[in-house]
Amino acid sequence: MAENPRARKVADRIHEIVAVMIDRKLKDPRLGMVTVTDVRVTGDLQNATIFYTVLGDEADLRSSGAALESARGMIRSEVGKQLSLRLTPTIDFVADALPVTAQSIEDALVAARARDAELARQRENAAPAGDADPYKKPADETE
């Protein structure tokens, strides 16, 4: 994904600002252990998408998402104060699918290891289907 350097710098700064706000300023009891994983800003710096993960189960994810949505205005105003851009980008919070994807990859690797181990057990006592040496050999001159 080709991205202009200014948008990347703004995204990094928004990442820092939002992470600090979640850690220190937001006092919502619904907010769990939230980690900001990535921030993507459009090329015109008008929209920012903030990806986050939550330690816990699906209920923790939903409640933390609701807390972030309710604090969106406060977060946006703080981002606007600290960035000092002409226009403050709109903010959208999106639950990051990275942990789910990582878990599915991990499950696939475990299944592949189990299949490899089963094939190794089957190969231990296997015998060739034909002759022990299936390759043709040149005829001896003496025969």
N, C-alpha and C. Protein backbone atom coordinates (compact mmCIF):
# COMPACT_ATOMS: atom_id res chain seq x y z
N MET A 1 0.85 -1.16 0.00
CA MET A 1 0.00 0.00 0.00
C MET A 1 0.91 1.24 0.00
N ALA A 2 0.85 2.01 -1.07
CA ALA A 2 1.65 3.22 -1.17
C ALA A 2 0.97 4.31 -0.34
N GLU A 3 1.73 4.89 0.53
CA GLU A 3 1.18 5.90 1.43
C GLU A 3 2.14 7.06 1.48
N ASN A 4 1.59 8.26 1.53
CA ASN A 4 2.50 9.40 1.57
C ASN A 4 3.10 9.54 2.96
N PRO A 5 4.31 10.07 3.04
CA PRO A 5 5.02 10.14 4.32
C PRO A 5 4.31 11.01 5.36
N ARG A 6 3.66 12.07 4.91
CA ARG A 6 2.98 12.94 5.87
C ARG A 6 1.82 12.21 6.53
N ALA A 7 1.06 11.45 5.76
CA ALA A 7 -0.05 10.69 6.33
C ALA A 7 0.47 9.66 7.33
N ARG A 8 1.62 9.06 7.04
CA ARG A 8 2.19 8.08 7.97
C ARG A 8 2.62 8.74 9.27
N LYS A 9 3.20 9.94 9.17
CA LYS A 9 3.61 10.67 10.38
C LYS A 9 2.40 11.07 11.21
N VAL A 10 1.35 11.53 10.54
CA VAL A 10 0.13 11.90 11.26
C VAL A 10 -0.48 10.66 11.92
N ALA A 11 -0.47 9.54 11.21
CA ALA A 11 -1.01 8.30 11.77
C ALA A 11 -0.22 7.86 13.00
N ASP A 12 1.09 7.96 12.92
CA ASP A 12 1.92 7.59 14.08
C ASP A 12 1.64 8.51 15.28
N ARG A 13 1.47 9.78 15.01
CA ARG A 13 1.19 10.72 16.10
C ARG A 13 -0.18 10.47 16.71
N ILE A 14 -1.18 10.18 15.86
CA ILE A 14 -2.51 9.84 16.37
C ILE A 14 -2.45 8.57 17.21
N HIS A 15 -1.65 7.61 16.77
CA HIS A 15 -1.46 6.37 17.52
C HIS A 15 -0.97 6.66 18.93
N GLU A 16 0.04 7.51 19.04
CA GLU A 16 0.59 7.87 20.35
C GLU A 16 -0.44 8.60 21.21
N ILE A 17 -1.12 9.57 20.63
CA ILE A 17 -2.09 10.38 21.38
C ILE A 17 -3.21 9.50 21.92
N VAL A 18 -3.77 8.65 21.06
CA VAL A 18 -4.90 7.80 21.48
C VAL A 18 -4.45 6.77 22.51
N ALA A 19 -3.28 6.20 22.34
CA ALA A 19 -2.80 5.22 23.32
C ALA A 19 -2.63 5.85 24.70
N VAL A 20 -2.08 7.05 24.74
CA VAL A 20 -1.90 7.74 26.03
C VAL A 20 -3.26 8.09 26.63
N MET A 21 -4.18 8.54 25.79
CA MET A 21 -5.52 8.90 26.30
C MET A 21 -6.22 7.68 26.89
N ILE A 22 -6.14 6.55 26.19
CA ILE A 22 -6.79 5.34 26.70
C ILE A 22 -6.16 4.93 28.02
N ASP A 23 -4.86 5.06 28.11
CA ASP A 23 -4.15 4.63 29.31
C ASP A 23 -4.38 5.57 30.49
N ARG A 24 -4.40 6.88 30.24
CA ARG A 24 -4.39 7.82 31.36
C ARG A 24 -5.66 8.65 31.55
N LYS A 25 -6.37 8.99 30.48
CA LYS A 25 -7.45 9.95 30.61
C LYS A 25 -8.85 9.35 30.60
N LEU A 26 -9.04 8.24 29.92
CA LEU A 26 -10.38 7.66 29.85
C LEU A 26 -10.65 6.85 31.11
N LYS A 27 -11.71 7.19 31.79
CA LYS A 27 -12.04 6.54 33.06
C LYS A 27 -13.31 5.72 32.97
N ASP A 28 -13.72 5.33 31.78
CA ASP A 28 -14.94 4.55 31.58
C ASP A 28 -14.75 3.14 32.16
N PRO A 29 -15.65 2.68 33.04
CA PRO A 29 -15.49 1.35 33.62
C PRO A 29 -15.66 0.22 32.60
N ARG A 30 -16.29 0.52 31.47
CA ARG A 30 -16.45 -0.51 30.43
C ARG A 30 -15.16 -0.77 29.68
N LEU A 31 -14.22 0.15 29.78
CA LEU A 31 -12.97 0.06 29.03
C LEU A 31 -12.06 -0.99 29.66
N GLY A 32 -11.72 -2.00 28.88
CA GLY A 32 -10.85 -3.07 29.38
C GLY A 32 -9.39 -2.79 29.03
N MET A 33 -8.64 -3.85 28.89
CA MET A 33 -7.23 -3.75 28.52
C MET A 33 -7.14 -3.56 27.01
N VAL A 34 -7.20 -2.31 26.57
CA VAL A 34 -7.23 -1.98 25.15
C VAL A 34 -5.83 -1.64 24.66
N THR A 35 -5.48 -2.18 23.50
CA THR A 35 -4.22 -1.88 22.86
C THR A 35 -4.50 -1.34 21.47
N VAL A 36 -3.96 -0.19 21.16
CA VAL A 36 -4.09 0.37 19.81
C VAL A 36 -3.03 -0.31 18.94
N THR A 37 -3.48 -1.06 17.94
CA THR A 37 -2.54 -1.82 17.11
C THR A 37 -2.09 -1.07 15.87
N ASP A 38 -2.98 -0.26 15.29
CA ASP A 38 -2.60 0.44 14.06
C ASP A 38 -3.52 1.63 13.87
N VAL A 39 -3.04 2.62 13.16
CA VAL A 39 -3.83 3.78 12.77
C VAL A 39 -3.58 4.01 11.29
N ARG A 40 -4.65 4.15 10.54
CA ARG A 40 -4.52 4.45 9.11
C ARG A 40 -5.23 5.76 8.82
N VAL A 41 -4.54 6.64 8.14
CA VAL A 41 -5.07 7.95 7.80
C VAL A 41 -5.15 8.04 6.28
N THR A 42 -6.26 8.59 5.78
CA THR A 42 -6.39 8.77 4.34
C THR A 42 -5.38 9.80 3.86
N GLY A 43 -5.10 9.79 2.56
CA GLY A 43 -4.09 10.67 1.99
C GLY A 43 -4.40 12.15 2.18
N ASP A 44 -5.69 12.51 2.25
CA ASP A 44 -6.05 13.91 2.45
C ASP A 44 -6.14 14.28 3.94
N LEU A 45 -5.80 13.37 4.82
CA LEU A 45 -5.77 13.57 6.28
C LEU A 45 -7.15 13.89 6.85
N GLN A 46 -8.21 13.47 6.20
CA GLN A 46 -9.56 13.77 6.65
C GLN A 46 -10.14 12.68 7.54
N ASN A 47 -9.73 11.43 7.36
CA ASN A 47 -10.30 10.31 8.11
C ASN A 47 -9.18 9.46 8.71
N ALA A 48 -9.37 9.06 9.95
CA ALA A 48 -8.42 8.19 10.62
C ALA A 48 -9.18 6.97 11.13
N THR A 49 -8.66 5.80 10.81
CA THR A 49 -9.22 4.55 11.31
C THR A 49 -8.25 3.99 12.34
N ILE A 50 -8.76 3.77 13.54
CA ILE A 50 -7.93 3.29 14.64
C ILE A 50 -8.30 1.84 14.91
N PHE A 51 -7.32 0.94 14.77
CA PHE A 51 -7.53 -0.48 15.02
C PHE A 51 -7.07 -0.78 16.45
N TYR A 52 -7.86 -1.58 17.15
CA TYR A 52 -7.54 -1.89 18.54
C TYR A 52 -7.86 -3.35 18.84
N THR A 53 -7.21 -3.87 19.86
CA THR A 53 -7.51 -5.20 20.38
C THR A 53 -7.80 -5.06 21.87
N VAL A 54 -8.49 -6.06 22.41
CA VAL A 54 -8.85 -6.05 23.82
C VAL A 54 -8.48 -7.41 24.41
N LEU A 55 -7.84 -7.38 25.55
CA LEU A 55 -7.52 -8.61 26.25
C LEU A 55 -8.80 -9.12 26.92
N GLY A 56 -9.20 -10.31 26.57
CA GLY A 56 -10.41 -10.87 27.16
C GLY A 56 -11.28 -11.54 26.10
N ASP A 57 -12.54 -11.74 26.46
CA ASP A 57 -13.45 -12.44 25.56
C ASP A 57 -14.26 -11.46 24.72
N GLU A 58 -15.25 -11.99 24.03
CA GLU A 58 -16.09 -11.20 23.13
C GLU A 58 -16.87 -10.11 23.86
N ALA A 59 -17.32 -10.40 25.08
CA ALA A 59 -18.06 -9.40 25.87
C ALA A 59 -17.16 -8.21 26.22
N ASP A 60 -15.90 -8.49 26.57
CA ASP A 60 -14.95 -7.41 26.86
C ASP A 60 -14.70 -6.57 25.61
N LEU A 61 -14.63 -7.22 24.46
CA LEU A 61 -14.43 -6.49 23.21
C LEU A 61 -15.60 -5.56 22.91
N ARG A 62 -16.81 -6.07 23.10
CA ARG A 62 -18.00 -5.24 22.83
C ARG A 62 -18.09 -4.07 23.81
N SER A 63 -17.86 -4.32 25.09
CA SER A 63 -17.97 -3.22 26.06
C SER A 63 -16.87 -2.18 25.86
N SER A 64 -15.67 -2.62 25.54
CA SER A 64 -14.59 -1.66 25.28
C SER A 64 -14.86 -0.88 24.00
N GLY A 65 -15.44 -1.54 23.00
CA GLY A 65 -15.81 -0.84 21.77
C GLY A 65 -16.85 0.23 22.02
N ALA A 66 -17.82 -0.09 22.88
CA ALA A 66 -18.85 0.90 23.23
C ALA A 66 -18.24 2.07 24.00
N ALA A 67 -17.29 1.79 24.87
CA ALA A 67 -16.63 2.86 25.63
C ALA A 67 -15.82 3.77 24.70
N LEU A 68 -15.14 3.17 23.74
CA LEU A 68 -14.36 3.98 22.79
C LEU A 68 -15.28 4.82 21.90
N GLU A 69 -16.40 4.24 21.49
CA GLU A 69 -17.34 5.00 20.67
C GLU A 69 -17.93 6.18 21.45
N SER A 70 -18.20 5.98 22.73
CA SER A 70 -18.76 7.08 23.52
C SER A 70 -17.73 8.17 23.80
N ALA A 71 -16.44 7.82 23.79
CA ALA A 71 -15.38 8.79 24.04
C ALA A 71 -14.80 9.35 22.74
N ARG A 72 -15.40 9.02 21.60
CA ARG A 72 -14.86 9.43 20.31
C ARG A 72 -14.69 10.95 20.21
N GLY A 73 -15.67 11.72 20.66
CA GLY A 73 -15.59 13.17 20.57
C GLY A 73 -14.46 13.74 21.39
N MET A 74 -14.30 13.24 22.61
CA MET A 74 -13.22 13.72 23.47
C MET A 74 -11.86 13.36 22.86
N ILE A 75 -11.75 12.15 22.31
CA ILE A 75 -10.50 11.72 21.70
C ILE A 75 -10.19 12.58 20.47
N ARG A 76 -11.21 12.84 19.67
CA ARG A 76 -11.00 13.65 18.46
C ARG A 76 -10.58 15.07 18.82
N SER A 77 -11.19 15.65 19.85
CA SER A 77 -10.80 17.01 20.23
C SER A 77 -9.37 17.05 20.75
N GLU A 78 -8.96 16.03 21.49
CA GLU A 78 -7.58 15.98 21.98
C GLU A 78 -6.60 15.79 20.83
N VAL A 79 -6.96 14.94 19.87
CA VAL A 79 -6.12 14.76 18.68
C VAL A 79 -5.98 16.09 17.94
N GLY A 80 -7.09 16.82 17.79
CA GLY A 80 -7.05 18.11 17.11
C GLY A 80 -6.17 19.12 17.83
N LYS A 81 -6.23 19.14 19.15
CA LYS A 81 -5.39 20.07 19.92
C LYS A 81 -3.91 19.76 19.74
N GLN A 82 -3.57 18.48 19.79
CA GLN A 82 -2.16 18.11 19.76
C GLN A 82 -1.57 18.08 18.35
N LEU A 83 -2.38 17.84 17.34
CA LEU A 83 -1.85 17.79 15.98
C LEU A 83 -1.71 19.17 15.35
N SER A 84 -2.57 20.08 15.71
CA SER A 84 -2.61 21.44 15.17
C SER A 84 -2.64 21.45 13.64
N LEU A 85 -3.51 20.60 13.09
CA LEU A 85 -3.77 20.61 11.65
C LEU A 85 -4.91 21.58 11.37
N ARG A 86 -5.07 21.94 10.12
CA ARG A 86 -6.16 22.83 9.75
C ARG A 86 -7.50 22.17 10.01
N LEU A 87 -7.62 20.89 9.65
CA LEU A 87 -8.83 20.12 9.90
C LEU A 87 -8.49 18.89 10.71
N THR A 88 -9.26 18.64 11.75
CA THR A 88 -9.05 17.45 12.56
C THR A 88 -9.70 16.27 11.86
N PRO A 89 -8.97 15.16 11.70
CA PRO A 89 -9.57 14.01 11.01
C PRO A 89 -10.70 13.38 11.83
N THR A 90 -11.70 12.85 11.12
CA THR A 90 -12.73 12.08 11.80
C THR A 90 -12.11 10.77 12.25
N ILE A 91 -12.65 10.22 13.32
CA ILE A 91 -12.06 9.02 13.90
C ILE A 91 -13.07 7.89 13.89
N ASP A 92 -12.62 6.73 13.42
CA ASP A 92 -13.42 5.51 13.47
C ASP A 92 -12.62 4.46 14.21
N PHE A 93 -13.28 3.75 15.12
CA PHE A 93 -12.64 2.67 15.85
C PHE A 93 -13.07 1.34 15.25
N VAL A 94 -12.09 0.49 14.96
CA VAL A 94 -12.36 -0.81 14.37
C VAL A 94 -11.62 -1.86 15.19
N ALA A 95 -12.36 -2.89 15.62
CA ALA A 95 -11.71 -3.99 16.34
C ALA A 95 -10.80 -4.73 15.36
N ASP A 96 -9.56 -4.89 15.73
CA ASP A 96 -8.58 -5.52 14.85
C ASP A 96 -8.82 -7.02 14.77
N ALA A 97 -8.78 -7.56 13.57
CA ALA A 97 -8.99 -8.99 13.37
C ALA A 97 -7.69 -9.77 13.49
N LEU A 98 -6.61 -9.12 13.83
CA LEU A 98 -5.31 -9.77 13.92
C LEU A 98 -5.28 -10.95 14.90
N PRO A 99 -5.82 -10.84 16.10
CA PRO A 99 -5.78 -11.99 17.01
C PRO A 99 -6.57 -13.19 16.47
N VAL A 100 -7.69 -12.95 15.82
CA VAL A 100 -8.49 -14.04 15.26
C VAL A 100 -7.73 -14.71 14.13
N THR A 101 -7.11 -13.89 13.28
CA THR A 101 -6.33 -14.43 12.17
C THR A 101 -5.13 -15.22 12.67
N ALA A 102 -4.46 -14.69 13.67
CA ALA A 102 -3.30 -15.39 14.24
C ALA A 102 -3.72 -16.71 14.85
N GLN A 103 -4.87 -16.75 15.52
CA GLN A 103 -5.35 -17.99 16.12
C GLN A 103 -5.69 -19.02 15.04
N SER A 104 -6.29 -18.59 13.94
CA SER A 104 -6.63 -19.55 12.87
C SER A 104 -5.36 -20.10 12.22
N ILE A 105 -4.33 -19.26 12.08
CA ILE A 105 -3.06 -19.75 11.54
C ILE A 105 -2.43 -20.73 12.51
N GLU A 106 -2.48 -20.42 13.79
CA GLU A 106 -1.92 -21.32 14.80
C GLU A 106 -2.65 -22.66 14.79
N ASP A 107 -3.98 -22.64 14.67
CA ASP A 107 -4.75 -23.88 14.60
C ASP A 107 -4.38 -24.70 13.37
N ALA A 108 -4.17 -24.03 12.24
CA ALA A 108 -3.78 -24.73 11.01
C ALA A 108 -2.40 -25.36 11.16
N LEU A 109 -1.48 -24.68 11.84
CA LEU A 109 -0.15 -25.24 12.06
C LEU A 109 -0.20 -26.45 12.98
N VAL A 110 -1.02 -26.41 14.01
CA VAL A 110 -1.16 -27.55 14.92
C VAL A 110 -1.73 -28.75 14.16
N ALA A 111 -2.73 -28.52 13.32
CA ALA A 111 -3.32 -29.60 12.54
C ALA A 111 -2.30 -30.19 11.56
N ALA A 112 -1.48 -29.34 10.95
CA ALA A 112 -0.46 -29.81 10.01
C ALA A 112 0.60 -30.65 10.73
N ARG A 113 0.99 -30.21 11.94
CA ARG A 113 1.96 -31.01 12.72
C ARG A 113 1.38 -32.37 13.09
N ALA A 114 0.10 -32.40 13.42
CA ALA A 114 -0.53 -33.68 13.77
C ALA A 114 -0.57 -34.61 12.56
N ARG A 115 -0.91 -34.07 11.38
CA ARG A 115 -0.92 -34.89 10.16
C ARG A 115 0.47 -35.37 9.81
N ASP A 116 1.49 -34.52 9.97
CA ASP A 116 2.87 -34.94 9.70
C ASP A 116 3.30 -36.05 10.65
N ALA A 117 2.93 -35.95 11.91
CA ALA A 117 3.29 -37.00 12.87
C ALA A 117 2.59 -38.31 12.52
N GLU A 118 1.34 -38.25 12.10
CA GLU A 118 0.61 -39.46 11.70
C GLU A 118 1.25 -40.11 10.48
N LEU A 119 1.64 -39.31 9.50
CA LEU A 119 2.32 -39.85 8.32
C LEU A 119 3.66 -40.45 8.69
N ALA A 120 4.39 -39.85 9.61
CA ALA A 120 5.68 -40.39 10.06
C ALA A 120 5.47 -41.74 10.74
N ARG A 121 4.40 -41.89 11.53
CA ARG A 121 4.12 -43.18 12.17
C ARG A 121 3.77 -44.23 11.13
N GLN A 122 3.04 -43.86 10.10
CA GLN A 122 2.67 -44.81 9.05
C GLN A 122 3.89 -45.22 8.23
N ARG A 123 4.85 -44.33 8.05
CA ARG A 123 6.04 -44.63 7.27
C ARG A 123 7.02 -45.53 8.01
N GLU A 124 6.95 -45.60 9.32
CA GLU A 124 7.94 -46.38 10.08
C GLU A 124 7.97 -47.84 9.66
N ASN A 125 6.84 -48.47 9.52
CA ASN A 125 6.79 -49.89 9.21
C ASN A 125 6.37 -50.17 7.77
N ALA A 126 6.44 -49.19 6.93
CA ALA A 126 6.02 -49.36 5.55
C ALA A 126 7.10 -50.07 4.74
N ALA A 127 6.66 -50.85 3.76
CA ALA A 127 7.58 -51.55 2.85
C ALA A 127 7.28 -51.06 1.44
N PRO A 128 8.28 -51.11 0.55
CA PRO A 128 8.03 -50.67 -0.81
C PRO A 128 6.96 -51.56 -1.48
N ALA A 129 6.23 -51.00 -2.40
CA ALA A 129 5.14 -51.73 -3.05
C ALA A 129 5.66 -52.79 -4.01
N GLY A 130 6.79 -52.58 -4.64
CA GLY A 130 7.32 -53.53 -5.61
C GLY A 130 8.58 -54.17 -5.08
N ASP A 131 9.54 -54.32 -5.98
CA ASP A 131 10.84 -54.88 -5.58
C ASP A 131 11.54 -53.91 -4.64
N ALA A 132 12.50 -54.44 -3.95
CA ALA A 132 13.27 -53.61 -3.03
C ALA A 132 14.02 -52.54 -3.80
N ASP A 133 14.52 -52.86 -5.00
CA ASP A 133 15.21 -51.89 -5.83
C ASP A 133 14.46 -51.79 -7.16
N PRO A 134 13.59 -50.81 -7.33
CA PRO A 134 12.72 -50.76 -8.50
C PRO A 134 13.39 -50.22 -9.77
N TYR A 135 14.66 -49.84 -9.71
CA TYR A 135 15.32 -49.24 -10.86
C TYR A 135 15.91 -50.30 -11.77
N LYS A 136 15.84 -50.05 -13.07
CA LYS A 136 16.44 -50.97 -14.04
C LYS A 136 17.95 -50.82 -13.98
N LYS A 137 18.61 -51.97 -14.15
CA LYS A 137 20.07 -51.97 -14.14
C LYS A 137 20.55 -52.44 -15.51
N PRO A 138 21.69 -51.95 -15.92
CA PRO A 138 22.19 -52.40 -17.21
C PRO A 138 22.56 -53.91 -17.15
N ALA A 139 22.33 -54.57 -18.23
CA ALA A 139 22.61 -56.01 -18.27
C ALA A 139 24.10 -56.25 -18.23
N ASP A 140 24.52 -57.29 -17.50
CA ASP A 140 25.93 -57.64 -17.42
C ASP A 140 26.34 -58.28 -18.74
N GLU A 141 27.58 -58.09 -19.15
CA GLU A 141 28.09 -58.66 -20.39
C GLU A 141 28.26 -60.16 -20.26
N THR A 142 28.40 -60.67 -19.06
CA THR A 142 28.62 -62.09 -18.86
C THR A 142 27.33 -62.88 -19.01
N GLU A 143 26.19 -62.26 -18.90
CA GLU A 143 24.94 -62.99 -18.97
C GLU A 143 24.46 -63.16 -20.35
